[in-house]
Amino acid sequence: MLPTERLETKTGIGNLWLYILALLKKKERYAYEIRHLVEEGYGFLPGEVTAYRVLYSLEIGGFVESHVNGSRKYYRITSKGKKELAKGLALMKMRLKQLSA
């Protein structure tokens, strides 16, 4: 694996939680929709099970909450999730700045 391929994997699917929280910050969504929005907006399609596992972990951690509407389970970001998203984005910006120096 090339170093750039590893970087893409680690900053992509390896940190899927960041992309999910960014999408949920805009509006609540259901899991299947999230997968395809990640693909459209960020260029990679997470596995179905992977996306559900990350959503479950985020919910257990209090970063997202869910509710059922009809046959779909919708997720929305919590205030704790917004804080964690901000911390994650700040960390990425800091790392980029350090690498660019």
PDB file of N, CA and C in Angstrom:
ATOM      1  N   MET A   1       0.849  -1.175   0.000  1.00  0.00           N
ATOM      2  CA  MET A   1       0.000   0.000   0.000  1.00  0.00           C
ATOM      3  C   MET A   1       0.899   1.244   0.000  1.00  0.00           C
ATOM      4  N   LEU A   2       0.588   2.166  -0.883  1.00  0.00           N
ATOM      5  CA  LEU A   2       1.329   3.419  -0.945  1.00  0.00           C
ATOM      6  C   LEU A   2       1.015   4.285   0.276  1.00  0.00           C
ATOM      7  N   PRO A   3       1.948   5.110   0.692  1.00  0.00           N
ATOM      8  CA  PRO A   3       1.684   5.981   1.843  1.00  0.00           C
ATOM      9  C   PRO A   3       0.432   6.850   1.661  1.00  0.00           C
ATOM     10  N   THR A   4       0.216   7.365   0.461  1.00  0.00           N
ATOM     11  CA  THR A   4      -0.972   8.202   0.243  1.00  0.00           C
ATOM     12  C   THR A   4      -2.260   7.390   0.307  1.00  0.00           C
ATOM     13  N   GLU A   5      -2.195   6.130  -0.094  1.00  0.00           N
ATOM     14  CA  GLU A   5      -3.373   5.255   0.023  1.00  0.00           C
ATOM     15  C   GLU A   5      -3.687   5.008   1.491  1.00  0.00           C
ATOM     16  N   ARG A   6      -2.660   4.789   2.277  1.00  0.00           N
ATOM     17  CA  ARG A   6      -2.850   4.595   3.724  1.00  0.00           C
ATOM     18  C   ARG A   6      -3.437   5.854   4.361  1.00  0.00           C
ATOM     19  N   LEU A   7      -2.921   7.019   3.968  1.00  0.00           N
ATOM     20  CA  LEU A   7      -3.436   8.282   4.484  1.00  0.00           C
ATOM     21  C   LEU A   7      -4.911   8.442   4.125  1.00  0.00           C
ATOM     22  N   GLU A   8      -5.253   8.117   2.892  1.00  0.00           N
ATOM     23  CA  GLU A   8      -6.648   8.222   2.464  1.00  0.00           C
ATOM     24  C   GLU A   8      -7.556   7.310   3.280  1.00  0.00           C
ATOM     25  N   THR A   9      -7.106   6.104   3.544  1.00  0.00           N
ATOM     26  CA  THR A   9      -7.894   5.159   4.335  1.00  0.00           C
ATOM     27  C   THR A   9      -8.050   5.641   5.770  1.00  0.00           C
ATOM     28  N   LYS A  10      -6.958   6.072   6.356  1.00  0.00           N
ATOM     29  CA  LYS A  10      -6.992   6.494   7.764  1.00  0.00           C
ATOM     30  C   LYS A  10      -7.779   7.783   7.966  1.00  0.00           C
ATOM     31  N   THR A  11      -7.709   8.703   7.022  1.00  0.00           N
ATOM     32  CA  THR A  11      -8.460   9.950   7.168  1.00  0.00           C
ATOM     33  C   THR A  11      -9.867   9.826   6.609  1.00  0.00           C
ATOM     34  N   GLY A  12     -10.149   8.734   5.933  1.00  0.00           N
ATOM     35  CA  GLY A  12     -11.488   8.490   5.390  1.00  0.00           C
ATOM     36  C   GLY A  12     -12.251   7.533   6.268  1.00  0.00           C
ATOM     37  N   ILE A  13     -12.313   6.292   5.854  1.00  0.00           N
ATOM     38  CA  ILE A  13     -13.101   5.279   6.562  1.00  0.00           C
ATOM     39  C   ILE A  13     -12.616   5.092   7.991  1.00  0.00           C
ATOM     40  N   GLY A  14     -11.336   5.325   8.229  1.00  0.00           N
ATOM     41  CA  GLY A  14     -10.779   5.183   9.577  1.00  0.00           C
ATOM     42  C   GLY A  14     -11.308   6.214  10.564  1.00  0.00           C
ATOM     43  N   ASN A  15     -11.892   7.274  10.047  1.00  0.00           N
ATOM     44  CA  ASN A  15     -12.479   8.319  10.891  1.00  0.00           C
ATOM     45  C   ASN A  15     -13.877   8.674  10.396  1.00  0.00           C
ATOM     46  N   LEU A  16     -14.637   7.650  10.097  1.00  0.00           N
ATOM     47  CA  LEU A  16     -15.989   7.821   9.570  1.00  0.00           C
ATOM     48  C   LEU A  16     -16.862   8.660  10.492  1.00  0.00           C
ATOM     49  N   TRP A  17     -16.622   8.584  11.787  1.00  0.00           N
ATOM     50  CA  TRP A  17     -17.421   9.333  12.754  1.00  0.00           C
ATOM     51  C   TRP A  17     -17.404  10.825  12.452  1.00  0.00           C
ATOM     52  N   LEU A  18     -16.258  11.336  11.981  1.00  0.00           N
ATOM     53  CA  LEU A  18     -16.122  12.756  11.691  1.00  0.00           C
ATOM     54  C   LEU A  18     -17.045  13.169  10.541  1.00  0.00           C
ATOM     55  N   TYR A  19     -17.098  12.356   9.511  1.00  0.00           N
ATOM     56  CA  TYR A  19     -17.937  12.632   8.352  1.00  0.00           C
ATOM     57  C   TYR A  19     -19.427  12.519   8.708  1.00  0.00           C
ATOM     58  N   ILE A  20     -19.749  11.536   9.519  1.00  0.00           N
ATOM     59  CA  ILE A  20     -21.147  11.354   9.935  1.00  0.00           C
ATOM     60  C   ILE A  20     -21.603  12.544  10.768  1.00  0.00           C
ATOM     61  N   LEU A  21     -20.804  12.962  11.719  1.00  0.00           N
ATOM     62  CA  LEU A  21     -21.194  14.111  12.540  1.00  0.00           C
ATOM     63  C   LEU A  21     -21.317  15.380  11.700  1.00  0.00           C
ATOM     64  N   ALA A  22     -20.424  15.548  10.721  1.00  0.00           N
ATOM     65  CA  ALA A  22     -20.500  16.724   9.844  1.00  0.00           C
ATOM     66  C   ALA A  22     -21.813  16.726   9.055  1.00  0.00           C
ATOM     67  N   LEU A  23     -22.231  15.573   8.579  1.00  0.00           N
ATOM     68  CA  LEU A  23     -23.503  15.484   7.846  1.00  0.00           C
ATOM     69  C   LEU A  23     -24.689  15.737   8.772  1.00  0.00           C
ATOM     70  N   LEU A  24     -24.624  15.185   9.974  1.00  0.00           N
ATOM     71  CA  LEU A  24     -25.743  15.344  10.910  1.00  0.00           C
ATOM     72  C   LEU A  24     -25.826  16.759  11.471  1.00  0.00           C
ATOM     73  N   LYS A  25     -24.749  17.491  11.404  1.00  0.00           N
ATOM     74  CA  LYS A  25     -24.783  18.887  11.858  1.00  0.00           C
ATOM     75  C   LYS A  25     -25.703  19.716  10.951  1.00  0.00           C
ATOM     76  N   LYS A  26     -25.787  19.319   9.698  1.00  0.00           N
ATOM     77  CA  LYS A  26     -26.631  20.034   8.734  1.00  0.00           C
ATOM     78  C   LYS A  26     -28.109  19.708   8.924  1.00  0.00           C
ATOM     79  N   LYS A  27     -28.422  18.424   9.156  1.00  0.00           N
ATOM     80  CA  LYS A  27     -29.804  18.003   9.419  1.00  0.00           C
ATOM     81  C   LYS A  27     -29.836  16.531   9.802  1.00  0.00           C
ATOM     82  N   GLU A  28     -30.932  16.106  10.415  1.00  0.00           N
ATOM     83  CA  GLU A  28     -31.036  14.694  10.801  1.00  0.00           C
ATOM     84  C   GLU A  28     -31.184  13.839   9.541  1.00  0.00           C
ATOM     85  N   ARG A  29     -30.690  12.615   9.644  1.00  0.00           N
ATOM     86  CA  ARG A  29     -30.684  11.716   8.487  1.00  0.00           C
ATOM     87  C   ARG A  29     -30.825  10.275   8.952  1.00  0.00           C
ATOM     88  N   TYR A  30     -31.156   9.397   8.009  1.00  0.00           N
ATOM     89  CA  TYR A  30     -31.212   7.974   8.312  1.00  0.00           C
ATOM     90  C   TYR A  30     -29.950   7.294   7.771  1.00  0.00           C
ATOM     91  N   ALA A  31     -29.625   6.129   8.303  1.00  0.00           N
ATOM     92  CA  ALA A  31     -28.331   5.478   8.063  1.00  0.00           C
ATOM     93  C   ALA A  31     -28.038   5.230   6.590  1.00  0.00           C
ATOM     94  N   TYR A  32     -28.978   4.702   5.859  1.00  0.00           N
ATOM     95  CA  TYR A  32     -28.745   4.397   4.440  1.00  0.00           C
ATOM     96  C   TYR A  32     -28.403   5.683   3.691  1.00  0.00           C
ATOM     97  N   GLU A  33     -29.106   6.746   4.002  1.00  0.00           N
ATOM     98  CA  GLU A  33     -28.862   8.048   3.380  1.00  0.00           C
ATOM     99  C   GLU A  33     -27.457   8.541   3.710  1.00  0.00           C
ATOM    100  N   ILE A  34     -27.029   8.366   4.940  1.00  0.00           N
ATOM    101  CA  ILE A  34     -25.707   8.815   5.376  1.00  0.00           C
ATOM    102  C   ILE A  34     -24.618   8.155   4.551  1.00  0.00           C
ATOM    103  N   ARG A  35     -24.721   6.867   4.349  1.00  0.00           N
ATOM    104  CA  ARG A  35     -23.714   6.140   3.555  1.00  0.00           C
ATOM    105  C   ARG A  35     -23.532   6.780   2.190  1.00  0.00           C
ATOM    106  N   HIS A  36     -24.627   7.054   1.523  1.00  0.00           N
ATOM    107  CA  HIS A  36     -24.551   7.586   0.161  1.00  0.00           C
ATOM    108  C   HIS A  36     -24.127   9.053   0.130  1.00  0.00           C
ATOM    109  N   LEU A  37     -24.463   9.800   1.163  1.00  0.00           N
ATOM    110  CA  LEU A  37     -23.986  11.184   1.240  1.00  0.00           C
ATOM    111  C   LEU A  37     -22.491  11.241   1.501  1.00  0.00           C
ATOM    112  N   VAL A  38     -21.973  10.286   2.249  1.00  0.00           N
ATOM    113  CA  VAL A  38     -20.520  10.192   2.453  1.00  0.00           C
ATOM    114  C   VAL A  38     -19.854   9.925   1.108  1.00  0.00           C
ATOM    115  N   GLU A  39     -20.415   9.021   0.337  1.00  0.00           N
ATOM    116  CA  GLU A  39     -19.845   8.711  -0.978  1.00  0.00           C
ATOM    117  C   GLU A  39     -19.895   9.938  -1.900  1.00  0.00           C
ATOM    118  N   GLU A  40     -21.041  10.596  -1.958  1.00  0.00           N
ATOM    119  CA  GLU A  40     -21.198  11.761  -2.831  1.00  0.00           C
ATOM    120  C   GLU A  40     -20.306  12.929  -2.405  1.00  0.00           C
ATOM    121  N   GLY A  41     -20.272  13.198  -1.121  1.00  0.00           N
ATOM    122  CA  GLY A  41     -19.562  14.379  -0.643  1.00  0.00           C
ATOM    123  C   GLY A  41     -18.097  14.187  -0.342  1.00  0.00           C
ATOM    124  N   TYR A  42     -17.721  12.953   0.016  1.00  0.00           N
ATOM    125  CA  TYR A  42     -16.351  12.731   0.492  1.00  0.00           C
ATOM    126  C   TYR A  42     -15.574  11.688  -0.308  1.00  0.00           C
ATOM    127  N   GLY A  43     -16.244  11.051  -1.271  1.00  0.00           N
ATOM    128  CA  GLY A  43     -15.531  10.189  -2.202  1.00  0.00           C
ATOM    129  C   GLY A  43     -15.269   8.750  -1.785  1.00  0.00           C
ATOM    130  N   PHE A  44     -15.912   8.278  -0.741  1.00  0.00           N
ATOM    131  CA  PHE A  44     -15.772   6.857  -0.387  1.00  0.00           C
ATOM    132  C   PHE A  44     -17.099   6.353   0.166  1.00  0.00           C
ATOM    133  N   LEU A  45     -17.395   5.090  -0.099  1.00  0.00           N
ATOM    134  CA  LEU A  45     -18.649   4.488   0.360  1.00  0.00           C
ATOM    135  C   LEU A  45     -18.340   3.533   1.500  1.00  0.00           C
ATOM    136  N   PRO A  46     -18.752   3.889   2.715  1.00  0.00           N
ATOM    137  CA  PRO A  46     -18.523   2.965   3.830  1.00  0.00           C
ATOM    138  C   PRO A  46     -19.404   1.736   3.688  1.00  0.00           C
ATOM    139  N   GLY A  47     -18.930   0.628   4.186  1.00  0.00           N
ATOM    140  CA  GLY A  47     -19.742  -0.574   4.184  1.00  0.00           C
ATOM    141  C   GLY A  47     -20.995  -0.367   5.019  1.00  0.00           C
ATOM    142  N   GLU A  48     -22.044  -1.069   4.662  1.00  0.00           N
ATOM    143  CA  GLU A  48     -23.318  -0.902   5.360  1.00  0.00           C
ATOM    144  C   GLU A  48     -23.176  -1.200   6.848  1.00  0.00           C
ATOM    145  N   VAL A  49     -22.526  -2.292   7.158  1.00  0.00           N
ATOM    146  CA  VAL A  49     -22.347  -2.671   8.560  1.00  0.00           C
ATOM    147  C   VAL A  49     -21.452  -1.653   9.272  1.00  0.00           C
ATOM    148  N   THR A  50     -20.430  -1.182   8.598  1.00  0.00           N
ATOM    149  CA  THR A  50     -19.518  -0.205   9.188  1.00  0.00           C
ATOM    150  C   THR A  50     -20.259   1.060   9.585  1.00  0.00           C
ATOM    151  N   ALA A  51     -21.070   1.581   8.685  1.00  0.00           N
ATOM    152  CA  ALA A  51     -21.825   2.808   8.973  1.00  0.00           C
ATOM    153  C   ALA A  51     -22.749   2.604  10.170  1.00  0.00           C
ATOM    154  N   TYR A  52     -23.433   1.475  10.226  1.00  0.00           N
ATOM    155  CA  TYR A  52     -24.336   1.208  11.347  1.00  0.00           C
ATOM    156  C   TYR A  52     -23.565   1.053  12.655  1.00  0.00           C
ATOM    157  N   ARG A  53     -22.408   0.417  12.600  1.00  0.00           N
ATOM    158  CA  ARG A  53     -21.598   0.254  13.813  1.00  0.00           C
ATOM    159  C   ARG A  53     -21.124   1.601  14.344  1.00  0.00           C
ATOM    160  N   VAL A  54     -20.697   2.478  13.431  1.00  0.00           N
ATOM    161  CA  VAL A  54     -20.232   3.801  13.854  1.00  0.00           C
ATOM    162  C   VAL A  54     -21.400   4.597  14.435  1.00  0.00           C
ATOM    163  N   LEU A  55     -22.552   4.560  13.778  1.00  0.00           N
ATOM    164  CA  LEU A  55     -23.729   5.259  14.304  1.00  0.00           C
ATOM    165  C   LEU A  55     -24.106   4.732  15.688  1.00  0.00           C
ATOM    166  N   TYR A  56     -24.061   3.412  15.855  1.00  0.00           N
ATOM    167  CA  TYR A  56     -24.378   2.806  17.151  1.00  0.00           C
ATOM    168  C   TYR A  56     -23.402   3.292  18.224  1.00  0.00           C
ATOM    169  N   SER A  57     -22.110   3.313  17.889  1.00  0.00           N
ATOM    170  CA  SER A  57     -21.098   3.775  18.845  1.00  0.00           C
ATOM    171  C   SER A  57     -21.293   5.247  19.188  1.00  0.00           C
ATOM    172  N   LEU A  58     -21.616   6.050  18.183  1.00  0.00           N
ATOM    173  CA  LEU A  58     -21.864   7.463  18.425  1.00  0.00           C
ATOM    174  C   LEU A  58     -23.080   7.657  19.322  1.00  0.00           C
ATOM    175  N   GLU A  59     -24.091   6.820  19.127  1.00  0.00           N
ATOM    176  CA  GLU A  59     -25.293   6.922  19.953  1.00  0.00           C
ATOM    177  C   GLU A  59     -25.005   6.491  21.390  1.00  0.00           C
ATOM    178  N   ILE A  60     -24.291   5.408  21.556  1.00  0.00           N
ATOM    179  CA  ILE A  60     -23.928   4.933  22.897  1.00  0.00           C
ATOM    180  C   ILE A  60     -23.100   6.001  23.626  1.00  0.00           C
ATOM    181  N   GLY A  61     -22.232   6.699  22.885  1.00  0.00           N
ATOM    182  CA  GLY A  61     -21.387   7.726  23.478  1.00  0.00           C
ATOM    183  C   GLY A  61     -22.097   9.050  23.728  1.00  0.00           C
ATOM    184  N   GLY A  62     -23.333   9.159  23.255  1.00  0.00           N
ATOM    185  CA  GLY A  62     -24.091  10.389  23.466  1.00  0.00           C
ATOM    186  C   GLY A  62     -23.804  11.483  22.446  1.00  0.00           C
ATOM    187  N   PHE A  63     -23.134  11.132  21.350  1.00  0.00           N
ATOM    188  CA  PHE A  63     -22.801  12.107  20.318  1.00  0.00           C
ATOM    189  C   PHE A  63     -23.939  12.295  19.313  1.00  0.00           C
ATOM    190  N   VAL A  64     -24.778  11.288  19.179  1.00  0.00           N
ATOM    191  CA  VAL A  64     -25.981  11.369  18.353  1.00  0.00           C
ATOM    192  C   VAL A  64     -27.125  10.743  19.125  1.00  0.00           C
ATOM    193  N   GLU A  65     -28.330  11.074  18.711  1.00  0.00           N
ATOM    194  CA  GLU A  65     -29.516  10.415  19.259  1.00  0.00           C
ATOM    195  C   GLU A  65     -30.403  10.045  18.094  1.00  0.00           C
ATOM    196  N   SER A  66     -31.272   9.082  18.314  1.00  0.00           N
ATOM    197  CA  SER A  66     -32.113   8.597  17.224  1.00  0.00           C
ATOM    198  C   SER A  66     -33.582   8.613  17.619  1.00  0.00           C
ATOM    199  N   HIS A  67     -34.406   8.574  16.588  1.00  0.00           N
ATOM    200  CA  HIS A  67     -35.847   8.422  16.777  1.00  0.00           C
ATOM    201  C   HIS A  67     -36.398   7.725  15.538  1.00  0.00           C
ATOM    202  N   VAL A  68     -37.479   7.018  15.710  1.00  0.00           N
ATOM    203  CA  VAL A  68     -38.102   6.301  14.603  1.00  0.00           C
ATOM    204  C   VAL A  68     -39.248   7.137  14.067  1.00  0.00           C
ATOM    205  N   ASN A  69     -39.281   7.254  12.753  1.00  0.00           N
ATOM    206  CA  ASN A  69     -40.364   7.942  12.062  1.00  0.00           C
ATOM    207  C   ASN A  69     -40.806   7.027  10.933  1.00  0.00           C
ATOM    208  N   GLY A  70     -41.969   6.437  11.083  1.00  0.00           N
ATOM    209  CA  GLY A  70     -42.414   5.443  10.104  1.00  0.00           C
ATOM    210  C   GLY A  70     -41.555   4.206  10.204  1.00  0.00           C
ATOM    211  N   SER A  71     -40.970   3.821   9.086  1.00  0.00           N
ATOM    212  CA  SER A  71     -40.132   2.623   9.076  1.00  0.00           C
ATOM    213  C   SER A  71     -38.643   2.954   9.157  1.00  0.00           C
ATOM    214  N   ARG A  72     -38.311   4.225   9.306  1.00  0.00           N
ATOM    215  CA  ARG A  72     -36.907   4.635   9.320  1.00  0.00           C
ATOM    216  C   ARG A  72     -36.484   5.157  10.684  1.00  0.00           C
ATOM    217  N   LYS A  73     -35.217   4.883  10.991  1.00  0.00           N
ATOM    218  CA  LYS A  73     -34.607   5.392  12.211  1.00  0.00           C
ATOM    219  C   LYS A  73     -33.726   6.572  11.819  1.00  0.00           C
ATOM    220  N   TYR A  74     -34.044   7.734  12.347  1.00  0.00           N
ATOM    221  CA  TYR A  74     -33.307   8.958  12.043  1.00  0.00           C
ATOM    222  C   TYR A  74     -32.338   9.291  13.165  1.00  0.00           C
ATOM    223  N   TYR A  75     -31.214   9.857  12.768  1.00  0.00           N
ATOM    224  CA  TYR A  75     -30.183  10.254  13.717  1.00  0.00           C
ATOM    225  C   TYR A  75     -29.987  11.763  13.650  1.00  0.00           C
ATOM    226  N   ARG A  76     -29.724  12.367  14.804  1.00  0.00           N
ATOM    227  CA  ARG A  76     -29.382  13.790  14.857  1.00  0.00           C
ATOM    228  C   ARG A  76     -28.220  13.957  15.825  1.00  0.00           C
ATOM    229  N   ILE A  77     -27.425  14.972  15.565  1.00  0.00           N
ATOM    230  CA  ILE A  77     -26.257  15.256  16.390  1.00  0.00           C
ATOM    231  C   ILE A  77     -26.717  15.916  17.697  1.00  0.00           C
ATOM    232  N   THR A  78     -26.042  15.620  18.771  1.00  0.00           N
ATOM    233  CA  THR A  78     -26.327  16.231  20.072  1.00  0.00           C
ATOM    234  C   THR A  78     -25.328  17.372  20.303  1.00  0.00           C
ATOM    235  N   SER A  79     -25.521  18.110  21.359  1.00  0.00           N
ATOM    236  CA  SER A  79     -24.559  19.171  21.678  1.00  0.00           C
ATOM    237  C   SER A  79     -23.187  18.564  21.972  1.00  0.00           C
ATOM    238  N   LYS A  80     -23.178  17.403  22.592  1.00  0.00           N
ATOM    239  CA  LYS A  80     -21.913  16.706  22.844  1.00  0.00           C
ATOM    240  C   LYS A  80     -21.248  16.324  21.518  1.00  0.00           C
ATOM    241  N   GLY A  81     -22.050  15.909  20.558  1.00  0.00           N
ATOM    242  CA  GLY A  81     -21.535  15.562  19.237  1.00  0.00           C
ATOM    243  C   GLY A  81     -20.977  16.770  18.507  1.00  0.00           C
ATOM    244  N   LYS A  82     -21.645  17.905  18.641  1.00  0.00           N
ATOM    245  CA  LYS A  82     -21.155  19.138  18.015  1.00  0.00           C
ATOM    246  C   LYS A  82     -19.805  19.545  18.595  1.00  0.00           C
ATOM    247  N   LYS A  83     -19.659  19.396  19.898  1.00  0.00           N
ATOM    248  CA  LYS A  83     -18.381  19.720  20.545  1.00  0.00           C
ATOM    249  C   LYS A  83     -17.280  18.779  20.064  1.00  0.00           C
ATOM    250  N   GLU A  84     -17.604  17.491  19.942  1.00  0.00           N
ATOM    251  CA  GLU A  84     -16.608  16.514  19.498  1.00  0.00           C
ATOM    252  C   GLU A  84     -16.223  16.753  18.041  1.00  0.00           C
ATOM    253  N   LEU A  85     -17.193  17.110  17.212  1.00  0.00           N
ATOM    254  CA  LEU A  85     -16.915  17.449  15.816  1.00  0.00           C
ATOM    255  C   LEU A  85     -15.974  18.650  15.750  1.00  0.00           C
ATOM    256  N   ALA A  86     -16.249  19.677  16.516  1.00  0.00           N
ATOM    257  CA  ALA A  86     -15.394  20.866  16.529  1.00  0.00           C
ATOM    258  C   ALA A  86     -13.972  20.506  16.964  1.00  0.00           C
ATOM    259  N   LYS A  87     -13.839  19.643  17.976  1.00  0.00           N
ATOM    260  CA  LYS A  87     -12.524  19.213  18.437  1.00  0.00           C
ATOM    261  C   LYS A  87     -11.795  18.423  17.355  1.00  0.00           C
ATOM    262  N   GLY A  88     -12.526  17.551  16.664  1.00  0.00           N
ATOM    263  CA  GLY A  88     -11.925  16.755  15.593  1.00  0.00           C
ATOM    264  C   GLY A  88     -11.452  17.621  14.439  1.00  0.00           C
ATOM    265  N   LEU A  89     -12.267  18.589  14.049  1.00  0.00           N
ATOM    266  CA  LEU A  89     -11.878  19.495  12.965  1.00  0.00           C
ATOM    267  C   LEU A  89     -10.682  20.353  13.362  1.00  0.00           C
ATOM    268  N   ALA A  90     -10.670  20.816  14.602  1.00  0.00           N
ATOM    269  CA  ALA A  90      -9.538  21.615  15.087  1.00  0.00           C
ATOM    270  C   ALA A  90      -8.255  20.790  15.088  1.00  0.00           C
ATOM    271  N   LEU A  91      -8.362  19.532  15.470  1.00  0.00           N
ATOM    272  CA  LEU A  91      -7.190  18.660  15.478  1.00  0.00           C
ATOM    273  C   LEU A  91      -6.657  18.458  14.061  1.00  0.00           C
ATOM    274  N   MET A  92      -7.560  18.239  13.110  1.00  0.00           N
ATOM    275  CA  MET A  92      -7.124  18.061  11.723  1.00  0.00           C
ATOM    276  C   MET A  92      -6.462  19.330  11.187  1.00  0.00           C
ATOM    277  N   LYS A  93      -7.026  20.489  11.494  1.00  0.00           N
ATOM    278  CA  LYS A  93      -6.437  21.757  11.055  1.00  0.00           C
ATOM    279  C   LYS A  93      -5.057  21.947  11.667  1.00  0.00           C
ATOM    280  N   MET A  94      -4.916  21.604  12.944  1.00  0.00           N
ATOM    281  CA  MET A  94      -3.634  21.740  13.617  1.00  0.00           C
ATOM    282  C   MET A  94      -2.582  20.846  12.953  1.00  0.00           C
ATOM    283  N   ARG A  95      -2.959  19.608  12.666  1.00  0.00           N
ATOM    284  CA  ARG A  95      -2.017  18.677  12.032  1.00  0.00           C
ATOM    285  C   ARG A  95      -1.592  19.185  10.658  1.00  0.00           C
ATOM    286  N   LEU A  96      -2.542  19.700   9.875  1.00  0.00           N
ATOM    287  CA  LEU A  96      -2.207  20.247   8.556  1.00  0.00           C
ATOM    288  C   LEU A  96      -1.262  21.437   8.677  1.00  0.00           C
ATOM    289  N   LYS A  97      -1.514  22.277   9.649  1.00  0.00           N
ATOM    290  CA  LYS A  97      -0.650  23.442   9.872  1.00  0.00           C
ATOM    291  C   LYS A  97       0.753  22.988  10.263  1.00  0.00           C
ATOM    292  N   GLN A  98       0.842  21.969  11.134  1.00  0.00           N
ATOM    293  CA  GLN A  98       2.138  21.454  11.554  1.00  0.00           C
ATOM    294  C   GLN A  98       2.903  20.858  10.373  1.00  0.00           C
ATOM    295  N   LEU A  99       2.188  20.152   9.518  1.00  0.00           N
ATOM    296  CA  LEU A  99       2.840  19.529   8.359  1.00  0.00           C
ATOM    297  C   LEU A  99       3.265  20.553   7.317  1.00  0.00           C
ATOM    298  N   SER A 100       2.552  21.666   7.257  1.00  0.00           N
ATOM    299  CA  SER A 100       2.841  22.705   6.262  1.00  0.00           C
ATOM    300  C   SER A 100       3.960  23.641   6.701  1.00  0.00           C
ATOM    301  N   ALA A 101       4.288  23.600   7.967  1.00  0.00           N
ATOM    302  CA  ALA A 101       5.309  24.540   8.498  1.00  0.00           C
ATOM    303  C   ALA A 101       6.700  24.173   8.037  1.00  0.00           C
TER     304      ALA A 101
END
